[in-house]
Amino acid sequence: LRARAASAMGWWSNLTIVVPTSPVPSNPSTDTIRAVFASFALVKGLPRARKLVQFDGPQRQLAPRRVQDYDAFEARVRELASQHADFAHTAIYRSRTFLFAAHNLAAAVRNVNTTFMLVLQHDFVLARAFDAAGLLQTMRRNAAIKQVRLNVRANIAKGFDGFIANYSGDSSVPLTRTCGWCVRRVPRGGFRTSLATPSRPAPH
């Protein structure tokens, strides 16, 4: 019933776009994150999905000027979320302390109430369209597919990013089994919190 209701409302109703962010030298400029959000328009229907920006807390050793720039960046993003069309349906959260990448993402996941997420770092812009509706249909039909990465190059082994095999199961989109770290992916919420997040809240 839940899947049928989500289908009637549109596939995007069961997806949250999660964008973790942290202090970077370009703060307080919003040029990059605006490009990220503008790129969602490449995928029909994706701008209608819920969006969540999760601000990590600043590191203790960060210079006061960098902290000020980061605070100004957050204020500008909040303004975009309230006024800019590309940031429609966006919620903003901030961690109280410095959590580092994985645990800042885990903090974001706790505010997600959809089955699926599209996780993008604050500087990864979608370069081309992909069949998001078909991908979610595939993941809904096959619970064994926990996470799908969006590739940026041909499916060939490179370093620790290994190619295992093309997926031959029931699928509406072409999939390849790989291994390696990724910063642009479509996981199920429970997979991120129960398996993929390290237990030690420190750089790793």
Protein backbone atom coordinates (compact mmCIF):
# COMPACT_ATOMS: atom_id res chain seq x y z
CA LEU A 1 0.00 0.00 0.00
CA ARG A 2 2.80 2.42 0.90
CA ALA A 3 4.60 1.71 -2.39
CA ARG A 4 1.34 2.20 -4.32
CA ALA A 5 0.69 5.54 -2.60
CA ALA A 6 4.24 6.71 -3.33
CA SER A 7 3.82 5.72 -6.97
CA ALA A 8 0.61 7.73 -7.21
CA MET A 9 2.32 10.80 -5.75
CA GLY A 10 5.39 10.46 -7.98
CA TRP A 11 8.59 8.46 -7.54
CA TRP A 12 10.34 11.50 -6.02
CA SER A 13 8.04 11.38 -2.98
CA ASN A 14 10.01 8.38 -1.69
CA LEU A 15 13.45 9.99 -2.11
CA THR A 16 15.41 12.54 -0.08
CA ILE A 17 18.47 14.28 -1.54
CA VAL A 18 21.08 14.55 1.21
CA VAL A 19 23.91 17.08 0.84
CA PRO A 20 26.46 17.02 3.69
CA THR A 21 28.74 20.04 3.94
CA SER A 22 31.63 21.29 6.06
CA PRO A 23 34.06 24.23 6.14
CA VAL A 24 36.00 24.78 2.90
CA PRO A 25 38.21 27.68 1.75
CA SER A 26 35.55 28.92 -0.69
CA ASN A 27 33.14 29.83 2.13
CA PRO A 28 31.04 31.97 2.23
CA SER A 29 30.48 31.69 -1.55
CA THR A 30 27.46 29.59 -2.55
CA ASP A 31 28.45 29.24 -6.22
CA THR A 32 29.29 25.55 -5.95
CA ILE A 33 26.31 24.39 -3.91
CA ARG A 34 24.03 26.39 -6.21
CA ALA A 35 25.51 24.52 -9.17
CA VAL A 36 24.85 21.22 -7.36
CA PHE A 37 21.19 22.06 -6.77
CA ALA A 38 20.73 23.44 -10.29
CA SER A 39 22.02 20.15 -11.72
CA PHE A 40 19.06 18.25 -10.23
CA ALA A 41 17.02 19.62 -13.14
CA LEU A 42 18.87 17.19 -15.44
CA VAL A 43 16.69 14.41 -14.01
CA LYS A 44 12.99 14.89 -14.68
CA GLY A 45 11.12 15.06 -11.38
CA LEU A 46 14.23 15.15 -9.18
CA PRO A 47 13.85 18.85 -8.18
CA ARG A 48 10.52 17.88 -6.60
CA ALA A 49 12.18 15.52 -4.12
CA ARG A 50 12.84 16.54 -0.53
CA LYS A 51 16.31 17.92 0.07
CA LEU A 52 18.39 18.09 3.21
CA VAL A 53 21.61 20.04 3.78
CA GLN A 54 23.57 18.84 6.82
CA PHE A 55 26.20 21.27 8.15
CA ASP A 56 29.00 19.67 10.14
CA GLY A 57 30.31 21.59 13.12
CA PRO A 58 33.64 23.41 12.53
CA GLN A 59 36.88 21.79 13.67
CA ARG A 60 38.32 23.22 16.90
CA GLN A 61 41.57 24.23 15.18
CA LEU A 62 39.79 26.19 12.45
CA ALA A 63 40.87 29.85 12.34
CA PRO A 64 38.25 32.34 13.61
CA ARG A 65 37.96 33.94 10.15
CA ARG A 66 37.21 30.53 8.61
CA VAL A 67 34.53 29.92 11.23
CA GLN A 68 32.97 33.31 10.42
CA ASP A 69 33.02 32.51 6.71
CA TYR A 70 31.39 29.13 7.39
CA ASP A 71 28.65 30.75 9.49
CA ALA A 72 28.05 33.26 6.69
CA PHE A 73 27.88 30.40 4.18
CA GLU A 74 25.25 28.67 6.30
CA ALA A 75 23.21 31.87 6.51
CA ARG A 76 23.33 32.25 2.72
CA VAL A 77 22.24 28.63 2.18
CA ARG A 78 19.34 29.11 4.58
CA GLU A 79 18.33 32.18 2.59
CA LEU A 80 18.50 30.16 -0.64
CA ALA A 81 16.33 27.46 0.93
CA SER A 82 13.66 30.03 1.72
CA GLN A 83 13.74 31.92 -1.57
CA HIS A 84 15.43 30.12 -4.50
CA ALA A 85 13.43 27.74 -6.70
CA ASP A 86 16.31 25.26 -7.02
CA PHE A 87 16.29 24.88 -3.22
CA ALA A 88 12.54 24.20 -2.92
CA HIS A 89 11.62 21.50 -0.36
CA THR A 90 14.99 21.92 1.41
CA ALA A 91 15.52 21.46 5.15
CA ILE A 92 18.69 22.70 6.87
CA TYR A 93 20.35 21.04 9.87
CA ARG A 94 23.65 21.69 11.68
CA SER A 95 25.64 19.39 13.93
CA ARG A 96 26.50 20.92 17.31
CA THR A 97 30.09 19.63 17.21
CA PHE A 98 32.59 18.50 14.59
CA LEU A 99 31.52 14.99 13.56
CA PHE A 100 33.63 14.37 10.45
CA ALA A 101 32.19 13.05 7.19
CA ALA A 102 30.62 9.69 8.07
CA HIS A 103 29.01 10.76 11.33
CA ASN A 104 27.82 14.06 9.90
CA LEU A 105 26.08 11.99 7.21
CA ALA A 106 24.65 9.71 9.91
CA ALA A 107 23.25 12.81 11.64
CA ALA A 108 21.57 13.77 8.38
CA VAL A 109 20.11 10.29 7.89
CA ARG A 110 18.35 10.55 11.25
CA ASN A 111 16.24 13.33 9.72
CA VAL A 112 15.33 11.35 6.61
CA ASN A 113 11.92 9.67 6.58
CA THR A 114 11.88 8.30 3.03
CA THR A 115 12.96 4.81 1.97
CA PHE A 116 15.65 6.07 -0.41
CA MET A 117 18.27 8.82 -0.42
CA LEU A 118 20.45 10.41 -3.07
CA VAL A 119 23.65 11.35 -1.23
CA LEU A 120 25.83 14.01 -2.87
CA GLN A 121 28.76 15.90 -1.39
CA HIS A 122 28.43 19.69 -1.53
CA ASP A 123 30.77 19.94 -4.55
CA PHE A 124 29.55 17.06 -6.76
CA VAL A 125 27.43 18.30 -9.64
CA LEU A 126 25.32 15.90 -11.71
CA ALA A 127 26.84 15.84 -15.21
CA ARG A 128 24.07 13.99 -17.03
CA ALA A 129 20.59 12.57 -16.57
CA PHE A 130 19.94 9.10 -15.20
CA ASP A 131 16.78 7.01 -14.86
CA ALA A 132 16.02 7.74 -11.21
CA ALA A 133 12.48 6.38 -11.42
CA GLY A 134 13.70 3.11 -12.95
CA LEU A 135 16.46 2.85 -10.35
CA LEU A 136 14.06 3.21 -7.43
CA GLN A 137 11.71 0.67 -9.02
CA THR A 138 14.61 -1.76 -9.28
CA MET A 139 15.69 -1.24 -5.67
CA ARG A 140 12.10 -1.58 -4.47
CA ARG A 141 11.76 -4.94 -6.26
CA ASN A 142 15.11 -6.29 -5.06
CA ALA A 143 15.94 -5.77 -1.39
CA ALA A 144 19.43 -7.20 -2.01
CA ILE A 145 20.40 -3.95 -3.78
CA LYS A 146 21.39 -1.79 -0.81
CA GLN A 147 23.27 1.05 -2.50
CA VAL A 148 23.85 2.23 -6.08
CA ARG A 149 26.73 4.52 -7.01
CA LEU A 150 26.55 6.98 -9.89
CA ASN A 151 29.64 6.32 -11.99
CA VAL A 152 31.90 9.06 -13.34
CA ARG A 153 33.90 6.88 -15.71
CA ALA A 154 33.63 3.61 -17.64
CA ASN A 155 33.09 0.50 -15.52
CA ILE A 156 36.72 -0.60 -15.39
CA ALA A 157 38.88 -1.44 -12.40
CA LYS A 158 40.98 1.48 -11.18
CA GLY A 159 42.94 1.37 -7.93
CA PHE A 160 40.82 0.14 -5.03
CA ASP A 161 37.67 0.96 -7.01
CA GLY A 162 37.23 -2.54 -8.41
CA PHE A 163 34.90 -3.94 -11.05
CA ILE A 164 33.27 -7.24 -10.04
CA ALA A 165 30.57 -8.12 -12.58
CA ASN A 166 27.63 -6.74 -14.51
CA TYR A 167 24.36 -7.24 -12.63
CA SER A 168 22.16 -9.77 -14.40
CA GLY A 169 19.11 -9.79 -12.11
CA ASP A 170 15.74 -8.12 -12.53
CA SER A 171 16.47 -4.45 -13.23
CA SER A 172 14.99 -1.47 -15.06
CA VAL A 173 18.44 0.15 -15.36
CA PRO A 174 21.93 -1.19 -16.21
CA LEU A 175 23.90 -1.97 -13.05
CA THR A 176 27.43 -3.16 -12.34
CA ARG A 177 28.74 -4.67 -9.11
CA THR A 178 31.76 -2.73 -7.85
CA CYS A 179 33.61 -2.01 -4.63
CA GLY A 180 35.11 1.22 -3.34
CA TRP A 181 34.21 4.51 -1.66
CA CYS A 182 31.78 6.89 -3.31
CA VAL A 183 30.35 10.35 -2.61
CA ARG A 184 27.38 10.17 -4.99
CA ARG A 185 25.04 7.26 -4.36
CA VAL A 186 21.46 6.12 -3.83
CA PRO A 187 21.27 4.00 -0.65
CA ARG A 188 18.45 2.73 1.52
CA GLY A 189 18.28 4.62 4.81
CA GLY A 190 18.77 1.60 7.07
CA PHE A 191 21.85 0.49 5.14
CA ARG A 192 23.63 3.76 5.93
CA THR A 193 22.96 3.70 9.68
CA SER A 194 23.23 -0.03 10.42
CA LEU A 195 26.19 -1.01 8.24
CA ALA A 196 28.08 1.75 6.44
CA THR A 197 28.75 4.22 9.29
CA PRO A 198 31.89 3.59 11.40
CA SER A 199 31.34 3.14 15.14
CA ARG A 200 34.25 5.44 16.05
CA PRO A 201 33.26 9.16 15.81
CA ALA A 202 36.62 10.42 14.54
CA PRO A 203 38.51 10.81 11.26
CA HIS A 204 39.07 7.40 9.67
